[in-house]
Structures are given as structure tokens and as C-alpha cells.
Amino acid sequence: MPVKVRIPSPLRGLTQGQGTVEAQGNTISEVLLNLDAKFPGIREKLYDKATLRPIFGIFLNSEDIRALNKDEGRYELKVDEPVRDGDELSIVPPIAGGMEGGRRGVRFLSFR
């Protein structure tokens, strides 16, 4: 099933400049692996060994795939979340800078 994947500017060199591409899969993880098969090098940018790098935000239909595991006090990535034909996956790079409440921070921007 094709899923539309929005590619951020820093990764577009791997997709021949395309900002939106299609990839196949039944889960988010499968879509990302298929994306790397079509555009080699994406996996090395998104993954640290077998884990998605936390610096990238991944959104499925504008929903952050990170879920807070309150028992362990950390975020978990829902990469086994199923996807459907026509879903949209957005890869969002970190945006650093700015001040919020007197503290510098990193914010994620979503494609809307």
C-alpha cells in the first residue's frame, strides 16, 4: 500500500530533490525500510544502528509517533504502528534556537 512520505530539506539530496515521495509497507518501520531501498542512504540518516535517531520527529497523519512511557520516564517510538493506503508520513528535522521560558530548546515543526 503506498504511503506518501514528506522529506525535509536536509534529506532531499538523497531523494533527487523530491519533497514528497511514495513508499510501501504495512507499518511505519516497513515504510521507512522501503524508503531506504528506493533512496539508499536514508537509513543511515534516520537510524542509529537499529533504532530511529531521536533528533528526527516522525509524524503519521500529523500525529507524533513518540509515546511517553511513564513507568520508564522515556519516549518510545511506535514504529510498529500500522499504516493504510493514502496515509502520510512526515520526517521532521530538529529546529534549534529560540527562547522559551528563558531556556533554549529544540522544537519540532510539523507539515500542516
N, C-alpha and C. Protein backbone atom coordinates (compact mmCIF):
# COMPACT_ATOMS: atom_id res chain seq x y z
N MET A 1 0.84 -1.17 0.00
CA MET A 1 0.00 0.00 0.00
C MET A 1 0.89 1.24 0.00
N PRO A 2 0.66 2.17 -0.93
CA PRO A 2 1.52 3.36 -0.98
C PRO A 2 1.19 4.36 0.13
N VAL A 3 2.26 4.87 0.71
CA VAL A 3 2.17 5.89 1.74
C VAL A 3 2.97 7.08 1.24
N LYS A 4 2.41 8.28 1.37
CA LYS A 4 3.12 9.49 0.98
C LYS A 4 4.08 9.85 2.11
N VAL A 5 5.35 10.10 1.77
CA VAL A 5 6.36 10.46 2.76
C VAL A 5 6.89 11.85 2.44
N ARG A 6 6.77 12.75 3.39
CA ARG A 6 7.31 14.11 3.23
C ARG A 6 8.76 14.11 3.71
N ILE A 7 9.63 14.58 2.83
CA ILE A 7 11.06 14.57 3.07
C ILE A 7 11.52 15.99 3.41
N PRO A 8 12.25 16.16 4.53
CA PRO A 8 12.73 17.50 4.87
C PRO A 8 13.90 17.91 3.97
N SER A 9 14.12 19.19 3.86
CA SER A 9 15.19 19.72 3.01
C SER A 9 16.55 19.06 3.23
N PRO A 10 16.99 18.82 4.47
CA PRO A 10 18.32 18.23 4.65
C PRO A 10 18.48 16.82 4.06
N LEU A 11 17.37 16.13 3.80
CA LEU A 11 17.44 14.77 3.25
C LEU A 11 17.10 14.70 1.76
N ARG A 12 16.72 15.82 1.17
CA ARG A 12 16.28 15.80 -0.23
C ARG A 12 17.39 15.49 -1.21
N GLY A 13 18.65 15.63 -0.82
CA GLY A 13 19.75 15.23 -1.68
C GLY A 13 19.72 13.74 -1.95
N LEU A 14 19.11 12.97 -1.04
CA LEU A 14 19.00 11.52 -1.21
C LEU A 14 17.79 11.13 -2.05
N THR A 15 16.84 12.05 -2.22
CA THR A 15 15.63 11.75 -2.99
C THR A 15 15.58 12.55 -4.29
N GLN A 16 16.75 12.88 -4.82
CA GLN A 16 16.86 13.66 -6.06
C GLN A 16 16.06 14.95 -5.99
N GLY A 17 16.05 15.58 -4.81
CA GLY A 17 15.40 16.86 -4.63
C GLY A 17 13.91 16.81 -4.38
N GLN A 18 13.34 15.62 -4.35
CA GLN A 18 11.89 15.50 -4.16
C GLN A 18 11.51 15.74 -2.70
N GLY A 19 10.49 16.55 -2.49
CA GLY A 19 10.00 16.84 -1.16
C GLY A 19 8.96 15.85 -0.69
N THR A 20 8.33 15.16 -1.62
CA THR A 20 7.33 14.14 -1.30
C THR A 20 7.58 12.94 -2.19
N VAL A 21 7.62 11.76 -1.58
CA VAL A 21 7.82 10.51 -2.31
C VAL A 21 6.81 9.50 -1.81
N GLU A 22 6.71 8.37 -2.49
CA GLU A 22 5.86 7.28 -2.03
C GLU A 22 6.71 6.10 -1.64
N ALA A 23 6.24 5.39 -0.61
CA ALA A 23 6.91 4.17 -0.16
C ALA A 23 5.83 3.16 0.22
N GLN A 24 6.22 1.91 0.28
CA GLN A 24 5.29 0.81 0.56
C GLN A 24 5.55 0.24 1.94
N GLY A 25 4.53 -0.35 2.55
CA GLY A 25 4.69 -1.05 3.81
C GLY A 25 3.38 -1.15 4.56
N ASN A 26 3.36 -2.07 5.52
CA ASN A 26 2.18 -2.23 6.36
C ASN A 26 2.32 -1.53 7.70
N THR A 27 3.57 -1.17 8.07
CA THR A 27 3.85 -0.48 9.32
C THR A 27 4.78 0.70 9.02
N ILE A 28 4.93 1.59 9.99
CA ILE A 28 5.85 2.72 9.82
C ILE A 28 7.25 2.20 9.54
N SER A 29 7.68 1.21 10.28
CA SER A 29 9.01 0.65 10.10
C SER A 29 9.22 0.11 8.69
N GLU A 30 8.24 -0.62 8.17
CA GLU A 30 8.33 -1.17 6.82
C GLU A 30 8.39 -0.05 5.78
N VAL A 31 7.63 1.01 5.98
CA VAL A 31 7.65 2.15 5.06
C VAL A 31 9.04 2.78 5.04
N LEU A 32 9.65 2.97 6.22
CA LEU A 32 10.97 3.57 6.29
C LEU A 32 12.03 2.67 5.65
N LEU A 33 11.90 1.36 5.81
CA LEU A 33 12.84 0.44 5.17
C LEU A 33 12.67 0.46 3.65
N ASN A 34 11.43 0.52 3.18
CA ASN A 34 11.19 0.61 1.75
C ASN A 34 11.70 1.93 1.19
N LEU A 35 11.58 2.98 1.97
CA LEU A 35 12.10 4.28 1.56
C LEU A 35 13.61 4.20 1.35
N ASP A 36 14.31 3.50 2.24
CA ASP A 36 15.76 3.34 2.09
C ASP A 36 16.11 2.46 0.90
N ALA A 37 15.27 1.48 0.60
CA ALA A 37 15.52 0.64 -0.58
C ALA A 37 15.41 1.46 -1.86
N LYS A 38 14.48 2.42 -1.88
CA LYS A 38 14.29 3.27 -3.04
C LYS A 38 15.33 4.39 -3.11
N PHE A 39 15.73 4.88 -1.94
CA PHE A 39 16.67 6.00 -1.85
C PHE A 39 17.77 5.65 -0.85
N PRO A 40 18.75 4.89 -1.29
CA PRO A 40 19.81 4.44 -0.38
C PRO A 40 20.48 5.62 0.35
N GLY A 41 20.74 5.40 1.63
CA GLY A 41 21.37 6.41 2.45
C GLY A 41 20.43 7.02 3.48
N ILE A 42 19.13 6.88 3.24
CA ILE A 42 18.16 7.45 4.19
C ILE A 42 18.27 6.73 5.54
N ARG A 43 18.43 5.43 5.51
CA ARG A 43 18.52 4.67 6.77
C ARG A 43 19.65 5.18 7.65
N GLU A 44 20.81 5.44 7.07
CA GLU A 44 21.96 5.91 7.86
C GLU A 44 21.68 7.27 8.51
N LYS A 45 20.84 8.07 7.86
CA LYS A 45 20.50 9.39 8.43
C LYS A 45 19.46 9.28 9.54
N LEU A 46 18.50 8.35 9.37
CA LEU A 46 17.39 8.24 10.32
C LEU A 46 17.66 7.30 11.49
N TYR A 47 18.51 6.30 11.27
CA TYR A 47 18.72 5.26 12.29
C TYR A 47 20.12 5.32 12.89
N ASP A 48 20.20 4.99 14.16
CA ASP A 48 21.47 4.77 14.86
C ASP A 48 21.47 3.28 15.17
N LYS A 49 22.20 2.51 14.38
CA LYS A 49 22.17 1.04 14.41
C LYS A 49 20.76 0.60 14.06
N ALA A 50 20.01 0.03 15.01
CA ALA A 50 18.66 -0.46 14.71
C ALA A 50 17.56 0.44 15.25
N THR A 51 17.91 1.59 15.80
CA THR A 51 16.94 2.47 16.44
C THR A 51 16.85 3.80 15.72
N LEU A 52 15.63 4.31 15.57
CA LEU A 52 15.45 5.64 14.99
C LEU A 52 16.14 6.68 15.85
N ARG A 53 16.85 7.59 15.21
CA ARG A 53 17.51 8.67 15.95
C ARG A 53 16.44 9.60 16.54
N PRO A 54 16.60 9.94 17.80
CA PRO A 54 15.58 10.78 18.44
C PRO A 54 15.58 12.23 17.95
N ILE A 55 16.60 12.64 17.19
CA ILE A 55 16.62 14.03 16.74
C ILE A 55 15.59 14.31 15.65
N PHE A 56 15.12 13.28 14.96
CA PHE A 56 14.10 13.47 13.93
C PHE A 56 12.72 13.23 14.54
N GLY A 57 11.78 14.06 14.16
CA GLY A 57 10.39 13.82 14.52
C GLY A 57 9.75 13.04 13.37
N ILE A 58 8.97 12.04 13.70
CA ILE A 58 8.25 11.27 12.70
C ILE A 58 6.76 11.40 13.03
N PHE A 59 6.00 11.82 12.04
CA PHE A 59 4.57 12.02 12.24
C PHE A 59 3.79 11.18 11.25
N LEU A 60 2.77 10.50 11.74
CA LEU A 60 1.85 9.75 10.89
C LEU A 60 0.54 10.52 10.88
N ASN A 61 0.19 11.06 9.71
CA ASN A 61 -1.03 11.87 9.58
C ASN A 61 -1.07 12.96 10.66
N SER A 62 0.02 13.68 10.83
CA SER A 62 0.16 14.79 11.77
C SER A 62 0.21 14.38 13.23
N GLU A 63 0.25 13.07 13.52
CA GLU A 63 0.34 12.58 14.89
C GLU A 63 1.77 12.12 15.16
N ASP A 64 2.38 12.65 16.21
CA ASP A 64 3.72 12.26 16.61
C ASP A 64 3.72 10.77 16.96
N ILE A 65 4.69 10.02 16.44
CA ILE A 65 4.71 8.58 16.72
C ILE A 65 5.40 8.27 18.05
N ARG A 66 5.89 9.31 18.74
CA ARG A 66 6.50 9.07 20.05
C ARG A 66 5.41 8.99 21.11
N ALA A 67 5.56 8.04 22.01
CA ALA A 67 4.63 7.90 23.12
C ALA A 67 5.44 7.86 24.41
N LEU A 68 4.99 8.60 25.40
CA LEU A 68 5.69 8.63 26.67
C LEU A 68 5.40 7.37 27.47
N ASN A 69 6.46 6.66 27.83
CA ASN A 69 6.34 5.51 28.72
C ASN A 69 6.56 6.07 30.13
N LYS A 70 5.49 6.34 30.83
CA LYS A 70 5.59 6.99 32.13
C LYS A 70 6.31 6.12 33.15
N ASP A 71 6.17 4.81 33.06
CA ASP A 71 6.84 3.92 34.00
C ASP A 71 8.35 4.02 33.91
N GLU A 72 8.86 4.17 32.69
CA GLU A 72 10.31 4.23 32.49
C GLU A 72 10.80 5.66 32.30
N GLY A 73 9.88 6.62 32.20
CA GLY A 73 10.27 8.02 32.07
C GLY A 73 10.98 8.34 30.76
N ARG A 74 10.59 7.69 29.67
CA ARG A 74 11.22 7.96 28.38
C ARG A 74 10.19 7.78 27.27
N TYR A 75 10.55 8.32 26.12
CA TYR A 75 9.68 8.18 24.96
C TYR A 75 10.00 6.89 24.22
N GLU A 76 8.98 6.28 23.68
CA GLU A 76 9.13 5.11 22.82
C GLU A 76 8.55 5.46 21.46
N LEU A 77 9.15 4.94 20.44
CA LEU A 77 8.67 5.19 19.09
C LEU A 77 7.74 4.07 18.66
N LYS A 78 6.58 4.44 18.17
CA LYS A 78 5.58 3.44 17.76
C LYS A 78 5.81 3.08 16.28
N VAL A 79 6.97 2.47 15.98
CA VAL A 79 7.31 2.15 14.60
C VAL A 79 6.53 0.96 14.07
N ASP A 80 5.90 0.18 14.95
CA ASP A 80 5.10 -0.95 14.50
C ASP A 80 3.64 -0.57 14.28
N GLU A 81 3.36 0.73 14.35
CA GLU A 81 2.02 1.25 14.11
C GLU A 81 1.62 0.95 12.66
N PRO A 82 0.44 0.38 12.43
CA PRO A 82 0.04 0.08 11.05
C PRO A 82 -0.24 1.36 10.25
N VAL A 83 0.00 1.27 8.95
CA VAL A 83 -0.33 2.36 8.03
C VAL A 83 -1.31 1.84 7.01
N ARG A 84 -2.08 2.77 6.45
CA ARG A 84 -3.08 2.42 5.44
C ARG A 84 -2.76 3.15 4.14
N ASP A 85 -3.31 2.64 3.08
CA ASP A 85 -3.18 3.27 1.78
C ASP A 85 -3.60 4.74 1.88
N GLY A 86 -2.73 5.63 1.41
CA GLY A 86 -3.04 7.05 1.43
C GLY A 86 -2.60 7.79 2.67
N ASP A 87 -2.08 7.08 3.68
CA ASP A 87 -1.56 7.76 4.86
C ASP A 87 -0.38 8.63 4.48
N GLU A 88 -0.05 9.57 5.36
CA GLU A 88 1.06 10.48 5.12
C GLU A 88 2.03 10.41 6.30
N LEU A 89 3.28 10.16 5.98
CA LEU A 89 4.35 10.10 6.98
C LEU A 89 5.24 11.31 6.75
N SER A 90 5.50 12.07 7.81
CA SER A 90 6.35 13.25 7.70
C SER A 90 7.60 13.05 8.55
N ILE A 91 8.75 13.30 7.95
CA ILE A 91 10.02 13.26 8.66
C ILE A 91 10.39 14.72 8.92
N VAL A 92 10.59 15.06 10.19
CA VAL A 92 10.83 16.45 10.55
C VAL A 92 12.19 16.56 11.25
N PRO A 93 13.07 17.38 10.69
CA PRO A 93 14.38 17.55 11.32
C PRO A 93 14.26 18.45 12.54
N PRO A 94 15.23 18.40 13.44
CA PRO A 94 15.17 19.29 14.61
C PRO A 94 15.42 20.74 14.20
N ILE A 95 14.75 21.63 14.88
CA ILE A 95 14.93 23.06 14.67
C ILE A 95 15.45 23.62 15.99
N ALA A 96 16.68 24.09 16.00
CA ALA A 96 17.28 24.58 17.25
C ALA A 96 17.18 26.09 17.32
N GLY A 97 17.22 26.58 18.55
CA GLY A 97 17.26 28.01 18.76
C GLY A 97 16.02 28.55 19.40
N GLY A 98 16.04 29.82 19.60
CA GLY A 98 14.89 30.49 20.20
C GLY A 98 14.92 30.36 21.71
N MET A 99 14.04 31.08 22.33
CA MET A 99 13.95 31.07 23.79
C MET A 99 12.51 30.75 24.17
N GLU A 100 12.37 29.88 25.14
CA GLU A 100 11.04 29.56 25.64
C GLU A 100 11.13 29.52 27.15
N GLY A 101 10.47 30.43 27.80
CA GLY A 101 10.53 30.47 29.26
C GLY A 101 11.94 30.72 29.78
N GLY A 102 12.74 31.45 28.99
CA GLY A 102 14.09 31.75 29.42
C GLY A 102 15.09 30.64 29.15
N ARG A 103 14.65 29.56 28.50
CA ARG A 103 15.54 28.44 28.22
C ARG A 103 15.63 28.21 26.73
N ARG A 104 16.82 27.87 26.27
CA ARG A 104 16.97 27.50 24.87
C ARG A 104 16.41 26.09 24.71
N GLY A 105 15.87 25.82 23.54
CA GLY A 105 15.32 24.50 23.35
C GLY A 105 15.36 24.07 21.90
N VAL A 106 14.97 22.86 21.68
CA VAL A 106 14.83 22.31 20.34
C VAL A 106 13.35 22.07 20.12
N ARG A 107 12.84 22.55 19.01
CA ARG A 107 11.44 22.38 18.70
C ARG A 107 11.30 21.61 17.40
N PHE A 108 10.20 20.89 17.26
CA PHE A 108 9.91 20.20 16.01
C PHE A 108 8.78 20.93 15.32
N LEU A 109 8.95 21.17 14.05
CA LEU A 109 7.90 21.78 13.26
C LEU A 109 7.21 20.70 12.49
N SER A 110 5.90 20.79 12.36
CA SER A 110 5.17 19.79 11.58
C SER A 110 4.73 20.39 10.25
N PHE A 111 4.48 19.54 9.29
CA PHE A 111 3.98 19.96 8.00
C PHE A 111 2.48 20.02 8.09
N ARG A 112 1.91 21.19 8.04
CA ARG A 112 0.44 21.32 8.07
C ARG A 112 0.01 22.27 6.99
